[in-house]
Structure formats: C-alpha cells, structure tokens
C-alpha cells in the first residue's frame, strides 16, 4: 500500500452537514474546535478544507492556525462563501 498519499476533508463534514435536502442538518452542531479534534482522529487525514467566512475568517484565523498545528493538520483549501449571495448569481471570480 502507498504510504505517501495525503487525504483531506472539509471541516463541514464533522458538523451538522446542512444541505438543500436537510436544511437543519443531519447531526447536532458542534463547536469548531470539537470538529477539528474529531477530524484529527481519522486515520490518514492530514488536511482540512474550509469555507470563508463561515468556518474561518479574520476573527478566528489565529486560533484556527494554532489548533491545526496542535492537532497536526494542514489547511489545504479555503472556499470563498460567495455562492449563496444574490450579488454573485451570475458567477463570481
């Protein structure tokens, strides 16, 4: 088995996982720190993906960075949360 592969997951996977089919979510909401700790327990998971500004923003970037380091996780992707804003209905970037 290859051991050089790295895997990532969106931090939203460890939260309520709201979507258009279940807008209240499939699980109870959990604090971001709790979701990070749960993610760090997944074998082979090394990277975390985020949405801006709902999961990572200017207000929590320093604490998020410290928590990632403490749990040996890396940020791999930050998706701008523009897709739900009417201003961007015809596209964004």
PDB file of N, CA and C in Angstrom:
ATOM      1  N   UNK A   1       0.821  -1.167   0.000  1.00  0.00           N
ATOM      2  CA  UNK A   1       0.000   0.000   0.000  1.00  0.00           C
ATOM      3  C   UNK A   1       0.878   1.247   0.000  1.00  0.00           C
ATOM      4  N   UNK A   2       0.475   2.255  -0.772  1.00  0.00           N
ATOM      5  CA  UNK A   2       1.234   3.503  -0.816  1.00  0.00           C
ATOM      6  C   UNK A   2       1.089   4.249   0.499  1.00  0.00           C
ATOM      7  N   UNK A   3       2.184   4.747   0.996  1.00  0.00           N
ATOM      8  CA  UNK A   3       2.136   5.498   2.245  1.00  0.00           C
ATOM      9  C   UNK A   3       2.383   6.988   2.042  1.00  0.00           C
ATOM     10  N   UNK A   4       2.613   7.405   0.781  1.00  0.00           N
ATOM     11  CA  UNK A   4       2.894   8.809   0.519  1.00  0.00           C
ATOM     12  C   UNK A   4       1.642   9.620   0.174  1.00  0.00           C
ATOM     13  N   UNK A   5       0.481   8.979   0.158  1.00  0.00           N
ATOM     14  CA  UNK A   5      -0.752   9.682  -0.150  1.00  0.00           C
ATOM     15  C   UNK A   5      -1.223  10.486   1.056  1.00  0.00           C
ATOM     16  N   UNK A   6      -1.784  11.665   0.764  1.00  0.00           N
ATOM     17  CA  UNK A   6      -2.338  12.504   1.819  1.00  0.00           C
ATOM     18  C   UNK A   6      -3.803  12.751   1.498  1.00  0.00           C
ATOM     19  N   UNK A   7      -4.631  12.784   2.518  1.00  0.00           N
ATOM     20  CA  UNK A   7      -6.060  12.980   2.334  1.00  0.00           C
ATOM     21  C   UNK A   7      -6.521  14.221   3.087  1.00  0.00           C
ATOM     22  N   UNK A   8      -7.560  14.851   2.549  1.00  0.00           N
ATOM     23  CA  UNK A   8      -8.162  15.990   3.227  1.00  0.00           C
ATOM     24  C   UNK A   8      -9.674  15.815   3.247  1.00  0.00           C
ATOM     25  N   UNK A   9     -10.319  16.592   4.114  1.00  0.00           N
ATOM     26  CA  UNK A   9     -11.780  16.596   4.194  1.00  0.00           C
ATOM     27  C   UNK A   9     -12.218  17.987   4.603  1.00  0.00           C
ATOM     28  N   UNK A  10     -13.398  18.344   4.198  1.00  0.00           N
ATOM     29  CA  UNK A  10     -13.955  19.617   4.626  1.00  0.00           C
ATOM     30  C   UNK A  10     -14.342  19.547   6.082  1.00  0.00           C
ATOM     31  N   UNK A  11     -14.043  20.611   6.824  1.00  0.00           N
ATOM     32  CA  UNK A  11     -14.383  20.614   8.248  1.00  0.00           C
ATOM     33  C   UNK A  11     -15.892  20.531   8.428  1.00  0.00           C
ATOM     34  N   UNK A  12     -16.655  20.917   7.418  1.00  0.00           N
ATOM     35  CA  UNK A  12     -18.119  20.847   7.488  1.00  0.00           C
ATOM     36  C   UNK A  12     -18.627  19.412   7.595  1.00  0.00           C
ATOM     37  N   UNK A  13     -17.843  18.455   7.181  1.00  0.00           N
ATOM     38  CA  UNK A  13     -18.225  17.047   7.279  1.00  0.00           C
ATOM     39  C   UNK A  13     -18.438  16.642   8.736  1.00  0.00           C
ATOM     40  N   UNK A  14     -17.721  17.296   9.627  1.00  0.00           N
ATOM     41  CA  UNK A  14     -17.782  16.950  11.047  1.00  0.00           C
ATOM     42  C   UNK A  14     -18.804  17.803  11.806  1.00  0.00           C
ATOM     43  N   UNK A  15     -19.565  18.590  11.085  1.00  0.00           N
ATOM     44  CA  UNK A  15     -20.612  19.421  11.682  1.00  0.00           C
ATOM     45  C   UNK A  15     -21.981  18.872  11.337  1.00  0.00           C
ATOM     46  N   UNK A  16     -22.985  19.737  11.315  1.00  0.00           N
ATOM     47  CA  UNK A  16     -24.348  19.274  11.058  1.00  0.00           C
ATOM     48  C   UNK A  16     -24.584  18.799   9.620  1.00  0.00           C
ATOM     49  N   UNK A  17     -23.708  19.194   8.698  1.00  0.00           N
ATOM     50  CA  UNK A  17     -23.826  18.798   7.285  1.00  0.00           C
ATOM     51  C   UNK A  17     -25.165  19.228   6.685  1.00  0.00           C
ATOM     52  N   UNK A  18     -25.460  20.513   6.840  1.00  0.00           N
ATOM     53  CA  UNK A  18     -26.689  21.061   6.254  1.00  0.00           C
ATOM     54  C   UNK A  18     -26.564  21.063   4.734  1.00  0.00           C
ATOM     55  N   UNK A  19     -27.663  20.812   4.059  1.00  0.00           N
ATOM     56  CA  UNK A  19     -27.701  20.927   2.606  1.00  0.00           C
ATOM     57  C   UNK A  19     -29.128  21.233   2.167  1.00  0.00           C
ATOM     58  N   UNK A  20     -29.350  21.319   0.878  1.00  0.00           N
ATOM     59  CA  UNK A  20     -30.684  21.692   0.398  1.00  0.00           C
ATOM     60  C   UNK A  20     -31.731  20.622   0.693  1.00  0.00           C
ATOM     61  N   UNK A  21     -31.302  19.408   0.936  1.00  0.00           N
ATOM     62  CA  UNK A  21     -32.233  18.325   1.238  1.00  0.00           C
ATOM     63  C   UNK A  21     -32.584  18.263   2.723  1.00  0.00           C
ATOM     64  N   UNK A  22     -31.678  18.754   3.557  1.00  0.00           N
ATOM     65  CA  UNK A  22     -31.899  18.746   5.006  1.00  0.00           C
ATOM     66  C   UNK A  22     -31.323  20.048   5.582  1.00  0.00           C
ATOM     67  N   UNK A  23     -32.052  21.155   5.448  1.00  0.00           N
ATOM     68  CA  UNK A  23     -31.518  22.461   5.860  1.00  0.00           C
ATOM     69  C   UNK A  23     -31.225  22.595   7.353  1.00  0.00           C
ATOM     70  N   UNK A  24     -31.791  21.742   8.187  1.00  0.00           N
ATOM     71  CA  UNK A  24     -31.472  21.795   9.620  1.00  0.00           C
ATOM     72  C   UNK A  24     -30.231  20.972   9.953  1.00  0.00           C
ATOM     73  N   UNK A  25     -29.786  20.158   9.030  1.00  0.00           N
ATOM     74  CA  UNK A  25     -28.596  19.345   9.244  1.00  0.00           C
ATOM     75  C   UNK A  25     -28.925  17.924   9.661  1.00  0.00           C
ATOM     76  N   UNK A  26     -27.963  17.061   9.485  1.00  0.00           N
ATOM     77  CA  UNK A  26     -28.130  15.643   9.810  1.00  0.00           C
ATOM     78  C   UNK A  26     -27.653  15.296  11.211  1.00  0.00           C
ATOM     79  N   UNK A  27     -26.865  16.194  11.808  1.00  0.00           N
ATOM     80  CA  UNK A  27     -26.337  15.991  13.160  1.00  0.00           C
ATOM     81  C   UNK A  27     -26.434  17.299  13.930  1.00  0.00           C
ATOM     82  N   UNK A  28     -26.220  17.220  15.228  1.00  0.00           N
ATOM     83  CA  UNK A  28     -26.186  18.433  16.044  1.00  0.00           C
ATOM     84  C   UNK A  28     -24.962  19.266  15.686  1.00  0.00           C
ATOM     85  N   UNK A  29     -25.100  20.571  15.825  1.00  0.00           N
ATOM     86  CA  UNK A  29     -23.967  21.470  15.604  1.00  0.00           C
ATOM     87  C   UNK A  29     -22.940  21.265  16.716  1.00  0.00           C
ATOM     88  N   UNK A  30     -21.680  21.390  16.353  1.00  0.00           N
ATOM     89  CA  UNK A  30     -20.584  21.257  17.313  1.00  0.00           C
ATOM     90  C   UNK A  30     -19.652  22.439  17.144  1.00  0.00           C
ATOM     91  N   UNK A  31     -18.995  22.851  18.228  1.00  0.00           N
ATOM     92  CA  UNK A  31     -18.011  23.935  18.098  1.00  0.00           C
ATOM     93  C   UNK A  31     -16.896  23.525  17.138  1.00  0.00           C
ATOM     94  N   UNK A  32     -16.291  24.511  16.504  1.00  0.00           N
ATOM     95  CA  UNK A  32     -15.236  24.250  15.526  1.00  0.00           C
ATOM     96  C   UNK A  32     -14.095  23.435  16.133  1.00  0.00           C
ATOM     97  N   UNK A  33     -13.705  23.750  17.353  1.00  0.00           N
ATOM     98  CA  UNK A  33     -12.609  23.015  17.990  1.00  0.00           C
ATOM     99  C   UNK A  33     -12.940  21.532  18.121  1.00  0.00           C
ATOM    100  N   UNK A  34     -14.167  21.220  18.481  1.00  0.00           N
ATOM    101  CA  UNK A  34     -14.583  19.821  18.608  1.00  0.00           C
ATOM    102  C   UNK A  34     -14.513  19.107  17.253  1.00  0.00           C
ATOM    103  N   UNK A  35     -14.886  19.812  16.198  1.00  0.00           N
ATOM    104  CA  UNK A  35     -14.826  19.214  14.856  1.00  0.00           C
ATOM    105  C   UNK A  35     -13.382  18.956  14.428  1.00  0.00           C
ATOM    106  N   UNK A  36     -12.480  19.875  14.781  1.00  0.00           N
ATOM    107  CA  UNK A  36     -11.060  19.666  14.492  1.00  0.00           C
ATOM    108  C   UNK A  36     -10.538  18.437  15.223  1.00  0.00           C
ATOM    109  N   UNK A  37     -10.898  18.319  16.488  1.00  0.00           N
ATOM    110  CA  UNK A  37     -10.431  17.174  17.275  1.00  0.00           C
ATOM    111  C   UNK A  37     -10.946  15.863  16.689  1.00  0.00           C
ATOM    112  N   UNK A  38     -12.190  15.857  16.240  1.00  0.00           N
ATOM    113  CA  UNK A  38     -12.734  14.657  15.621  1.00  0.00           C
ATOM    114  C   UNK A  38     -12.004  14.351  14.312  1.00  0.00           C
ATOM    115  N   UNK A  39     -11.744  15.370  13.523  1.00  0.00           N
ATOM    116  CA  UNK A  39     -11.029  15.178  12.256  1.00  0.00           C
ATOM    117  C   UNK A  39      -9.626  14.615  12.495  1.00  0.00           C
ATOM    118  N   UNK A  40      -8.981  15.058  13.555  1.00  0.00           N
ATOM    119  CA  UNK A  40      -7.612  14.599  13.830  1.00  0.00           C
ATOM    120  C   UNK A  40      -7.558  13.117  14.183  1.00  0.00           C
ATOM    121  N   UNK A  41      -8.696  12.516  14.507  1.00  0.00           N
ATOM    122  CA  UNK A  41      -8.754  11.094  14.852  1.00  0.00           C
ATOM    123  C   UNK A  41      -8.950  10.187  13.635  1.00  0.00           C
ATOM    124  N   UNK A  42      -9.205  10.775  12.476  1.00  0.00           N
ATOM    125  CA  UNK A  42      -9.427   9.985  11.263  1.00  0.00           C
ATOM    126  C   UNK A  42      -8.084   9.546  10.699  1.00  0.00           C
ATOM    127  N   UNK A  43      -7.886   8.262  10.612  1.00  0.00           N
ATOM    128  CA  UNK A  43      -6.623   7.698  10.139  1.00  0.00           C
ATOM    129  C   UNK A  43      -6.324   8.169   8.714  1.00  0.00           C
ATOM    130  N   UNK A  44      -5.137   8.718   8.522  1.00  0.00           N
ATOM    131  CA  UNK A  44      -4.692   9.155   7.212  1.00  0.00           C
ATOM    132  C   UNK A  44      -5.120  10.565   6.826  1.00  0.00           C
ATOM    133  N   UNK A  45      -5.987  11.182   7.582  1.00  0.00           N
ATOM    134  CA  UNK A  45      -6.445  12.533   7.264  1.00  0.00           C
ATOM    135  C   UNK A  45      -5.389  13.533   7.697  1.00  0.00           C
ATOM    136  N   UNK A  46      -4.908  14.323   6.759  1.00  0.00           N
ATOM    137  CA  UNK A  46      -3.847  15.291   7.057  1.00  0.00           C
ATOM    138  C   UNK A  46      -4.250  16.727   6.776  1.00  0.00           C
ATOM    139  N   UNK A  47      -5.264  16.925   5.927  1.00  0.00           N
ATOM    140  CA  UNK A  47      -5.626  18.275   5.525  1.00  0.00           C
ATOM    141  C   UNK A  47      -7.078  18.601   5.795  1.00  0.00           C
ATOM    142  N   UNK A  48      -7.343  19.895   6.027  1.00  0.00           N
ATOM    143  CA  UNK A  48      -8.687  20.370   6.289  1.00  0.00           C
ATOM    144  C   UNK A  48      -9.040  21.468   5.287  1.00  0.00           C
ATOM    145  N   UNK A  49     -10.263  21.398   4.774  1.00  0.00           N
ATOM    146  CA  UNK A  49     -10.797  22.405   3.862  1.00  0.00           C
ATOM    147  C   UNK A  49     -11.811  23.255   4.627  1.00  0.00           C
ATOM    148  N   UNK A  50     -11.901  24.526   4.269  1.00  0.00           N
ATOM    149  CA  UNK A  50     -12.772  25.473   4.963  1.00  0.00           C
ATOM    150  C   UNK A  50     -13.644  26.253   3.998  1.00  0.00           C
ATOM    151  N   UNK A  51     -14.691  26.858   4.544  1.00  0.00           N
ATOM    152  CA  UNK A  51     -15.459  27.900   3.861  1.00  0.00           C
ATOM    153  C   UNK A  51     -15.153  29.218   4.555  1.00  0.00           C
ATOM    154  N   UNK A  52     -14.998  30.258   3.770  1.00  0.00           N
ATOM    155  CA  UNK A  52     -14.831  31.603   4.300  1.00  0.00           C
ATOM    156  C   UNK A  52     -16.125  32.359   4.057  1.00  0.00           C
ATOM    157  N   UNK A  53     -16.693  33.046   4.988  1.00  0.00           N
ATOM    158  CA  UNK A  53     -16.257  33.344   6.342  1.00  0.00           C
ATOM    159  C   UNK A  53     -16.939  32.483   7.403  1.00  0.00           C
ATOM    160  N   UNK A  54     -17.707  31.471   7.003  1.00  0.00           N
ATOM    161  CA  UNK A  54     -18.483  30.715   7.997  1.00  0.00           C
ATOM    162  C   UNK A  54     -17.638  29.825   8.904  1.00  0.00           C
ATOM    163  N   UNK A  55     -16.497  29.360   8.437  1.00  0.00           N
ATOM    164  CA  UNK A  55     -15.683  28.451   9.258  1.00  0.00           C
ATOM    165  C   UNK A  55     -14.326  29.046   9.620  1.00  0.00           C
ATOM    166  N   UNK A  56     -13.775  29.815   8.736  1.00  0.00           N
ATOM    167  CA  UNK A  56     -12.526  30.521   9.039  1.00  0.00           C
ATOM    168  C   UNK A  56     -12.677  31.946   8.523  1.00  0.00           C
ATOM    169  N   UNK A  57     -12.242  32.890   9.353  1.00  0.00           N
ATOM    170  CA  UNK A  57     -12.360  34.304   8.990  1.00  0.00           C
ATOM    171  C   UNK A  57     -11.275  35.093   9.713  1.00  0.00           C
ATOM    172  N   UNK A  58     -11.279  36.391   9.516  1.00  0.00           N
ATOM    173  CA  UNK A  58     -10.291  37.243  10.176  1.00  0.00           C
ATOM    174  C   UNK A  58     -10.381  37.121  11.696  1.00  0.00           C
ATOM    175  N   UNK A  59     -11.584  36.877  12.200  1.00  0.00           N
ATOM    176  CA  UNK A  59     -11.782  36.806  13.643  1.00  0.00           C
ATOM    177  C   UNK A  59     -11.169  35.559  14.287  1.00  0.00           C
ATOM    178  N   UNK A  60     -11.079  34.459  13.555  1.00  0.00           N
ATOM    179  CA  UNK A  60     -10.599  33.222  14.182  1.00  0.00           C
ATOM    180  C   UNK A  60      -9.388  32.597  13.480  1.00  0.00           C
ATOM    181  N   UNK A  61      -8.775  33.319  12.571  1.00  0.00           N
ATOM    182  CA  UNK A  61      -7.673  32.719  11.803  1.00  0.00           C
ATOM    183  C   UNK A  61      -6.487  32.346  12.701  1.00  0.00           C
ATOM    184  N   UNK A  62      -6.171  33.168  13.690  1.00  0.00           N
ATOM    185  CA  UNK A  62      -5.032  32.848  14.566  1.00  0.00           C
ATOM    186  C   UNK A  62      -5.308  31.619  15.431  1.00  0.00           C
ATOM    187  N   UNK A  63      -6.491  31.562  16.023  1.00  0.00           N
ATOM    188  CA  UNK A  63      -6.820  30.396  16.853  1.00  0.00           C
ATOM    189  C   UNK A  63      -6.950  29.140  15.998  1.00  0.00           C
ATOM    190  N   UNK A  64      -7.447  29.284  14.771  1.00  0.00           N
ATOM    191  CA  UNK A  64      -7.549  28.141  13.856  1.00  0.00           C
ATOM    192  C   UNK A  64      -6.167  27.630  13.495  1.00  0.00           C
ATOM    193  N   UNK A  65      -5.256  28.529  13.205  1.00  0.00           N
ATOM    194  CA  UNK A  65      -3.884  28.149  12.854  1.00  0.00           C
ATOM    195  C   UNK A  65      -3.228  27.378  14.005  1.00  0.00           C
ATOM    196  N   UNK A  66      -3.403  27.862  15.234  1.00  0.00           N
ATOM    197  CA  UNK A  66      -2.821  27.190  16.410  1.00  0.00           C
ATOM    198  C   UNK A  66      -3.426  25.803  16.614  1.00  0.00           C
ATOM    199  N   UNK A  67      -4.726  25.708  16.424  1.00  0.00           N
ATOM    200  CA  UNK A  67      -5.400  24.423  16.609  1.00  0.00           C
ATOM    201  C   UNK A  67      -4.954  23.414  15.551  1.00  0.00           C
ATOM    202  N   UNK A  68      -4.816  23.853  14.303  1.00  0.00           N
ATOM    203  CA  UNK A  68      -4.325  22.963  13.245  1.00  0.00           C
ATOM    204  C   UNK A  68      -2.939  22.426  13.591  1.00  0.00           C
ATOM    205  N   UNK A  69      -2.074  23.324  14.036  1.00  0.00           N
ATOM    206  CA  UNK A  69      -0.710  22.908  14.385  1.00  0.00           C
ATOM    207  C   UNK A  69      -0.729  21.913  15.539  1.00  0.00           C
ATOM    208  N   UNK A  70      -1.517  22.217  16.577  1.00  0.00           N
ATOM    209  CA  UNK A  70      -1.606  21.336  17.745  1.00  0.00           C
ATOM    210  C   UNK A  70      -2.081  19.936  17.366  1.00  0.00           C
ATOM    211  N   UNK A  71      -3.010  19.838  16.416  1.00  0.00           N
ATOM    212  CA  UNK A  71      -3.593  18.555  16.027  1.00  0.00           C
ATOM    213  C   UNK A  71      -2.905  17.918  14.818  1.00  0.00           C
ATOM    214  N   UNK A  72      -1.811  18.548  14.358  1.00  0.00           N
ATOM    215  CA  UNK A  72      -1.036  18.025  13.235  1.00  0.00           C
ATOM    216  C   UNK A  72      -1.866  17.933  11.943  1.00  0.00           C
ATOM    217  N   UNK A  73      -2.641  18.971  11.688  1.00  0.00           N
ATOM    218  CA  UNK A  73      -3.438  19.064  10.462  1.00  0.00           C
ATOM    219  C   UNK A  73      -2.977  20.270   9.655  1.00  0.00           C
ATOM    220  N   UNK A  74      -3.221  20.236   8.346  1.00  0.00           N
ATOM    221  CA  UNK A  74      -2.822  21.341   7.476  1.00  0.00           C
ATOM    222  C   UNK A  74      -4.034  21.918   6.761  1.00  0.00           C
ATOM    223  N   UNK A  75      -4.083  23.254   6.607  1.00  0.00           N
ATOM    224  CA  UNK A  75      -5.141  23.837   5.786  1.00  0.00           C
ATOM    225  C   UNK A  75      -4.797  23.597   4.318  1.00  0.00           C
ATOM    226  N   UNK A  76      -5.740  23.113   3.539  1.00  0.00           N
ATOM    227  CA  UNK A  76      -5.432  22.825   2.136  1.00  0.00           C
ATOM    228  C   UNK A  76      -6.292  23.608   1.158  1.00  0.00           C
ATOM    229  N   UNK A  77      -7.404  24.175   1.629  1.00  0.00           N
ATOM    230  CA  UNK A  77      -8.305  24.859   0.705  1.00  0.00           C
ATOM    231  C   UNK A  77      -9.248  25.753   1.491  1.00  0.00           C
ATOM    232  N   UNK A  78      -9.435  26.964   1.025  1.00  0.00           N
ATOM    233  CA  UNK A  78     -10.429  27.865   1.607  1.00  0.00           C
ATOM    234  C   UNK A  78     -11.353  28.294   0.473  1.00  0.00           C
ATOM    235  N   UNK A  79     -12.601  27.849   0.556  1.00  0.00           N
ATOM    236  CA  UNK A  79     -13.595  28.191  -0.469  1.00  0.00           C
ATOM    237  C   UNK A  79     -14.283  29.493  -0.075  1.00  0.00           C
ATOM    238  N   UNK A  80     -14.261  30.474  -0.959  1.00  0.00           N
ATOM    239  CA  UNK A  80     -14.980  31.707  -0.631  1.00  0.00           C
ATOM    240  C   UNK A  80     -16.485  31.438  -0.616  1.00  0.00           C
ATOM    241  N   UNK A  81     -17.140  31.794   0.469  1.00  0.00           N
ATOM    242  CA  UNK A  81     -18.575  31.525   0.609  1.00  0.00           C
ATOM    243  C   UNK A  81     -19.427  32.531  -0.133  1.00  0.00           C
ATOM    244  N   UNK A  82     -19.234  32.630  -1.417  1.00  0.00           N
ATOM    245  CA  UNK A  82     -19.964  33.600  -2.230  1.00  0.00           C
ATOM    246  C   UNK A  82     -21.153  32.998  -2.951  1.00  0.00           C
ATOM    247  N   UNK A  83     -21.212  31.685  -3.025  1.00  0.00           N
ATOM    248  CA  UNK A  83     -22.200  31.028  -3.880  1.00  0.00           C
ATOM    249  C   UNK A  83     -23.641  31.255  -3.465  1.00  0.00           C
ATOM    250  N   UNK A  84     -23.895  31.612  -2.219  1.00  0.00           N
ATOM    251  CA  UNK A  84     -25.269  31.816  -1.772  1.00  0.00           C
ATOM    252  C   UNK A  84     -25.708  33.280  -1.769  1.00  0.00           C
ATOM    253  N   UNK A  85     -24.834  34.187  -2.159  1.00  0.00           N
ATOM    254  CA  UNK A  85     -25.157  35.601  -2.132  1.00  0.00           C
ATOM    255  C   UNK A  85     -25.754  36.030  -3.482  1.00  0.00           C
ATOM    256  N   UNK A  86     -26.911  36.694  -3.460  1.00  0.00           N
ATOM    257  CA  UNK A  86     -27.558  37.127  -4.700  1.00  0.00           C
ATOM    258  C   UNK A  86     -26.658  37.981  -5.598  1.00  0.00           C
ATOM    259  N   UNK A  87     -25.754  38.734  -4.987  1.00  0.00           N
ATOM    260  CA  UNK A  87     -24.817  39.575  -5.759  1.00  0.00           C
ATOM    261  C   UNK A  87     -24.038  38.758  -6.797  1.00  0.00           C
ATOM    262  N   UNK A  88     -23.793  37.484  -6.497  1.00  0.00           N
ATOM    263  CA  UNK A  88     -22.966  36.639  -7.357  1.00  0.00           C
ATOM    264  C   UNK A  88     -23.794  35.636  -8.159  1.00  0.00           C
ATOM    265  N   UNK A  89     -25.057  35.896  -8.363  1.00  0.00           N
ATOM    266  CA  UNK A  89     -25.941  34.938  -9.048  1.00  0.00           C
ATOM    267  C   UNK A  89     -25.485  34.588 -10.466  1.00  0.00           C
ATOM    268  N   UNK A  90     -24.759  35.478 -11.112  1.00  0.00           N
ATOM    269  CA  UNK A  90     -24.297  35.215 -12.483  1.00  0.00           C
ATOM    270  C   UNK A  90     -22.846  34.720 -12.496  1.00  0.00           C
ATOM    271  N   UNK A  91     -22.293  34.455 -11.334  1.00  0.00           N
ATOM    272  CA  UNK A  91     -20.916  33.989 -11.226  1.00  0.00           C
ATOM    273  C   UNK A  91     -20.134  34.917 -10.333  1.00  0.00           C
ATOM    274  N   UNK A  92     -18.959  34.495  -9.952  1.00  0.00           N
ATOM    275  CA  UNK A  92     -18.161  35.331  -9.048  1.00  0.00           C
ATOM    276  C   UNK A  92     -16.800  35.618  -9.663  1.00  0.00           C
ATOM    277  N   UNK A  93     -15.771  34.958  -9.212  1.00  0.00           N
ATOM    278  CA  UNK A  93     -14.429  35.296  -9.629  1.00  0.00           C
ATOM    279  C   UNK A  93     -14.122  34.881 -11.048  1.00  0.00           C
TER     280      UNK A  93
END
